[in-house]
N, C-alpha and C. Protein backbone atom coordinates (compact mmCIF):
# COMPACT_ATOMS: atom_id res chain seq x y z
N UNK A 1 35.98 -36.09 -89.36
CA UNK A 1 36.42 -36.42 -90.70
C UNK A 1 37.87 -35.96 -90.81
N UNK A 2 38.63 -36.74 -91.49
CA UNK A 2 40.02 -36.36 -91.69
C UNK A 2 40.13 -35.13 -92.57
N UNK A 3 41.16 -34.38 -92.32
CA UNK A 3 41.38 -33.15 -93.09
C UNK A 3 41.57 -33.47 -94.57
N UNK A 4 42.18 -34.61 -94.86
CA UNK A 4 42.40 -35.00 -96.25
C UNK A 4 41.07 -35.26 -96.96
N UNK A 5 40.16 -35.98 -96.29
CA UNK A 5 38.85 -36.25 -96.88
C UNK A 5 38.08 -34.96 -97.12
N UNK A 6 38.13 -34.08 -96.13
CA UNK A 6 37.42 -32.80 -96.25
C UNK A 6 37.97 -31.99 -97.42
N UNK A 7 39.29 -31.97 -97.57
CA UNK A 7 39.91 -31.23 -98.67
C UNK A 7 39.52 -31.84 -100.02
N UNK A 8 39.48 -33.17 -100.10
CA UNK A 8 39.09 -33.83 -101.35
C UNK A 8 37.64 -33.50 -101.72
N UNK A 9 36.77 -33.54 -100.72
CA UNK A 9 35.35 -33.23 -100.97
C UNK A 9 35.17 -31.79 -101.44
N UNK A 10 35.88 -30.86 -100.80
CA UNK A 10 35.79 -29.45 -101.19
C UNK A 10 36.37 -29.25 -102.59
N UNK A 11 37.48 -29.93 -102.88
CA UNK A 11 38.10 -29.80 -104.20
C UNK A 11 37.15 -30.30 -105.28
N UNK A 12 36.45 -31.40 -105.00
CA UNK A 12 35.50 -31.93 -105.98
C UNK A 12 34.37 -30.94 -106.22
N UNK A 13 33.92 -30.28 -105.16
CA UNK A 13 32.87 -29.28 -105.30
C UNK A 13 33.35 -28.09 -106.12
N UNK A 14 34.57 -27.63 -105.85
CA UNK A 14 35.11 -26.49 -106.60
C UNK A 14 35.33 -26.84 -108.07
N UNK A 15 35.82 -28.05 -108.31
CA UNK A 15 36.02 -28.51 -109.69
C UNK A 15 34.68 -28.53 -110.43
N UNK A 16 33.66 -29.02 -109.75
CA UNK A 16 32.33 -29.07 -110.35
C UNK A 16 31.79 -27.68 -110.65
N UNK A 17 31.99 -26.78 -109.71
CA UNK A 17 31.52 -25.40 -109.91
C UNK A 17 32.23 -24.75 -111.10
N UNK A 18 33.54 -25.00 -111.22
CA UNK A 18 34.30 -24.45 -112.34
C UNK A 18 33.81 -25.03 -113.67
N UNK A 19 33.58 -26.33 -113.71
CA UNK A 19 33.07 -26.96 -114.94
C UNK A 19 31.70 -26.38 -115.31
N UNK A 20 30.87 -26.21 -114.29
CA UNK A 20 29.53 -25.67 -114.54
C UNK A 20 29.62 -24.26 -115.14
N UNK A 21 30.48 -23.43 -114.59
CA UNK A 21 30.63 -22.06 -115.10
C UNK A 21 31.23 -22.05 -116.51
N UNK A 22 32.20 -22.92 -116.74
CA UNK A 22 32.80 -23.01 -118.07
C UNK A 22 31.77 -23.50 -119.09
N UNK A 23 31.00 -24.49 -118.70
CA UNK A 23 29.95 -24.98 -119.58
C UNK A 23 28.92 -23.91 -119.89
N UNK A 24 28.57 -23.13 -118.89
CA UNK A 24 27.61 -22.04 -119.08
C UNK A 24 28.19 -20.98 -120.01
N UNK A 25 29.45 -20.64 -119.81
CA UNK A 25 30.10 -19.60 -120.62
C UNK A 25 30.26 -20.03 -122.08
N UNK A 26 30.42 -21.32 -122.31
CA UNK A 26 30.65 -21.81 -123.67
C UNK A 26 29.40 -22.45 -124.28
N UNK A 27 28.28 -22.32 -123.60
CA UNK A 27 27.02 -22.94 -124.04
C UNK A 27 27.17 -24.44 -124.24
N UNK A 28 27.98 -25.07 -123.39
CA UNK A 28 28.17 -26.52 -123.44
C UNK A 28 27.34 -27.12 -122.30
N UNK A 29 26.13 -27.51 -122.64
CA UNK A 29 25.19 -28.02 -121.63
C UNK A 29 25.70 -29.30 -120.98
N UNK A 30 26.38 -30.13 -121.74
CA UNK A 30 26.92 -31.37 -121.20
C UNK A 30 27.96 -31.09 -120.11
N UNK A 31 28.86 -30.16 -120.37
CA UNK A 31 29.89 -29.80 -119.39
C UNK A 31 29.26 -29.14 -118.17
N UNK A 32 28.26 -28.33 -118.40
CA UNK A 32 27.55 -27.66 -117.31
C UNK A 32 26.89 -28.70 -116.40
N UNK A 33 26.23 -29.68 -117.00
CA UNK A 33 25.58 -30.75 -116.22
C UNK A 33 26.61 -31.61 -115.49
N UNK A 34 27.73 -31.88 -116.14
CA UNK A 34 28.80 -32.65 -115.51
C UNK A 34 29.33 -31.90 -114.28
N UNK A 35 29.44 -30.60 -114.40
CA UNK A 35 29.89 -29.78 -113.28
C UNK A 35 28.92 -29.82 -112.12
N UNK A 36 27.63 -29.73 -112.43
CA UNK A 36 26.62 -29.82 -111.37
C UNK A 36 26.70 -31.17 -110.66
N UNK A 37 26.88 -32.23 -111.46
CA UNK A 37 26.98 -33.58 -110.91
C UNK A 37 28.19 -33.69 -109.97
N UNK A 38 29.34 -33.18 -110.42
CA UNK A 38 30.55 -33.24 -109.60
C UNK A 38 30.37 -32.46 -108.29
N UNK A 39 29.75 -31.31 -108.40
CA UNK A 39 29.54 -30.48 -107.21
C UNK A 39 28.62 -31.20 -106.21
N UNK A 40 27.53 -31.76 -106.70
CA UNK A 40 26.60 -32.48 -105.83
C UNK A 40 27.24 -33.72 -105.23
N UNK A 41 28.05 -34.39 -106.03
CA UNK A 41 28.75 -35.57 -105.55
C UNK A 41 29.70 -35.20 -104.41
N UNK A 42 30.41 -34.11 -104.55
CA UNK A 42 31.30 -33.63 -103.49
C UNK A 42 30.55 -33.27 -102.23
N UNK A 43 29.39 -32.62 -102.39
CA UNK A 43 28.57 -32.26 -101.24
C UNK A 43 28.04 -33.50 -100.54
N UNK A 44 27.61 -34.49 -101.32
CA UNK A 44 27.09 -35.73 -100.74
C UNK A 44 28.17 -36.47 -99.95
N UNK A 45 29.37 -36.51 -100.51
CA UNK A 45 30.48 -37.16 -99.80
C UNK A 45 30.79 -36.43 -98.50
N UNK A 46 30.76 -35.12 -98.56
CA UNK A 46 31.04 -34.32 -97.36
C UNK A 46 29.99 -34.61 -96.28
N UNK A 47 28.72 -34.64 -96.67
CA UNK A 47 27.64 -34.95 -95.72
C UNK A 47 27.82 -36.34 -95.13
N UNK A 48 28.17 -37.31 -95.98
CA UNK A 48 28.38 -38.67 -95.50
C UNK A 48 29.50 -38.72 -94.47
N UNK A 49 30.61 -38.07 -94.78
CA UNK A 49 31.73 -38.05 -93.84
C UNK A 49 31.35 -37.36 -92.53
N UNK A 50 30.59 -36.27 -92.61
CA UNK A 50 30.16 -35.57 -91.40
C UNK A 50 29.25 -36.46 -90.55
N UNK A 51 28.30 -37.15 -91.19
CA UNK A 51 27.39 -38.03 -90.45
C UNK A 51 28.15 -39.19 -89.82
N UNK A 52 29.07 -39.76 -90.56
CA UNK A 52 29.86 -40.87 -90.03
C UNK A 52 30.66 -40.41 -88.81
N UNK A 53 31.25 -39.22 -88.91
CA UNK A 53 32.03 -38.69 -87.79
C UNK A 53 31.15 -38.46 -86.57
N UNK A 54 29.95 -37.91 -86.78
CA UNK A 54 29.03 -37.69 -85.66
C UNK A 54 28.64 -39.01 -85.01
N UNK A 55 28.39 -40.02 -85.83
CA UNK A 55 28.04 -41.34 -85.30
C UNK A 55 29.18 -41.94 -84.50
N UNK A 56 30.40 -41.81 -84.99
CA UNK A 56 31.56 -42.32 -84.27
C UNK A 56 31.74 -41.58 -82.95
N UNK A 57 31.51 -40.27 -82.95
CA UNK A 57 31.62 -39.48 -81.72
C UNK A 57 30.59 -39.93 -80.69
N UNK A 58 29.35 -40.15 -81.14
CA UNK A 58 28.29 -40.58 -80.23
C UNK A 58 28.60 -41.97 -79.66
N UNK A 59 29.10 -42.86 -80.50
CA UNK A 59 29.47 -44.20 -80.05
C UNK A 59 30.59 -44.12 -79.01
N UNK A 60 31.58 -43.28 -79.28
CA UNK A 60 32.68 -43.10 -78.34
C UNK A 60 32.17 -42.57 -77.01
N UNK A 61 31.28 -41.57 -77.05
CA UNK A 61 30.71 -41.01 -75.82
C UNK A 61 29.93 -42.06 -75.03
N UNK A 62 29.16 -42.87 -75.74
CA UNK A 62 28.37 -43.92 -75.07
C UNK A 62 29.29 -44.95 -74.42
N UNK A 63 30.35 -45.32 -75.10
CA UNK A 63 31.30 -46.28 -74.52
C UNK A 63 31.95 -45.70 -73.27
N UNK A 64 32.30 -44.41 -73.31
CA UNK A 64 32.90 -43.77 -72.14
C UNK A 64 31.92 -43.73 -70.97
N UNK A 65 30.66 -43.45 -71.24
CA UNK A 65 29.66 -43.42 -70.17
C UNK A 65 29.51 -44.79 -69.54
N UNK A 66 29.48 -45.83 -70.37
CA UNK A 66 29.36 -47.19 -69.85
C UNK A 66 30.59 -47.57 -69.04
N UNK A 67 31.75 -47.20 -69.52
CA UNK A 67 32.99 -47.51 -68.82
C UNK A 67 33.07 -46.74 -67.51
N UNK A 68 32.70 -45.47 -67.53
CA UNK A 68 32.74 -44.65 -66.32
C UNK A 68 31.78 -45.16 -65.26
N UNK A 69 30.59 -45.58 -65.67
CA UNK A 69 29.62 -46.05 -64.68
C UNK A 69 30.06 -47.38 -64.08
N UNK A 70 30.83 -48.16 -64.81
CA UNK A 70 31.32 -49.43 -64.28
C UNK A 70 32.42 -49.23 -63.27
N UNK A 71 33.18 -48.17 -63.35
CA UNK A 71 34.27 -47.91 -62.41
C UNK A 71 33.74 -47.55 -61.04
N UNK A 72 32.59 -46.91 -60.98
CA UNK A 72 32.02 -46.50 -59.70
C UNK A 72 31.28 -47.66 -59.02
N UNK A 73 31.13 -48.74 -59.72
CA UNK A 73 30.37 -49.86 -59.18
C UNK A 73 28.89 -49.54 -59.12
N UNK A 74 28.46 -48.60 -59.94
CA UNK A 74 27.08 -48.12 -59.91
C UNK A 74 26.35 -48.52 -61.17
N UNK A 75 26.53 -49.75 -61.62
CA UNK A 75 25.88 -50.21 -62.85
C UNK A 75 24.40 -50.46 -62.61
N UNK A 76 23.60 -50.07 -63.56
CA UNK A 76 22.16 -50.30 -63.46
C UNK A 76 21.64 -50.77 -64.76
C-alpha cells in the first residue's frame, strides 16, 4: 500500500477517535456515533488496502515463478 493511502487511513481513524471522545465528553451521542463510524471506515479501508497489496504481491511472485521456470526450459 502506498504511504499516502496508509496515512489517509490512519488519519481517518484518528479523526474518528477524536470525534468519538468529543461526543462522549459533551454527551453528544450523534457525534460519538459519527466518530465510531469514521474510525471503522478508516480501519476497513486500511484492511482493504492491505489485502489488495498482499494479492498483488502473490500475483507478482506467481508471475516470477512462471517466468523463471520458462527460462530453464523446464516447463511442466
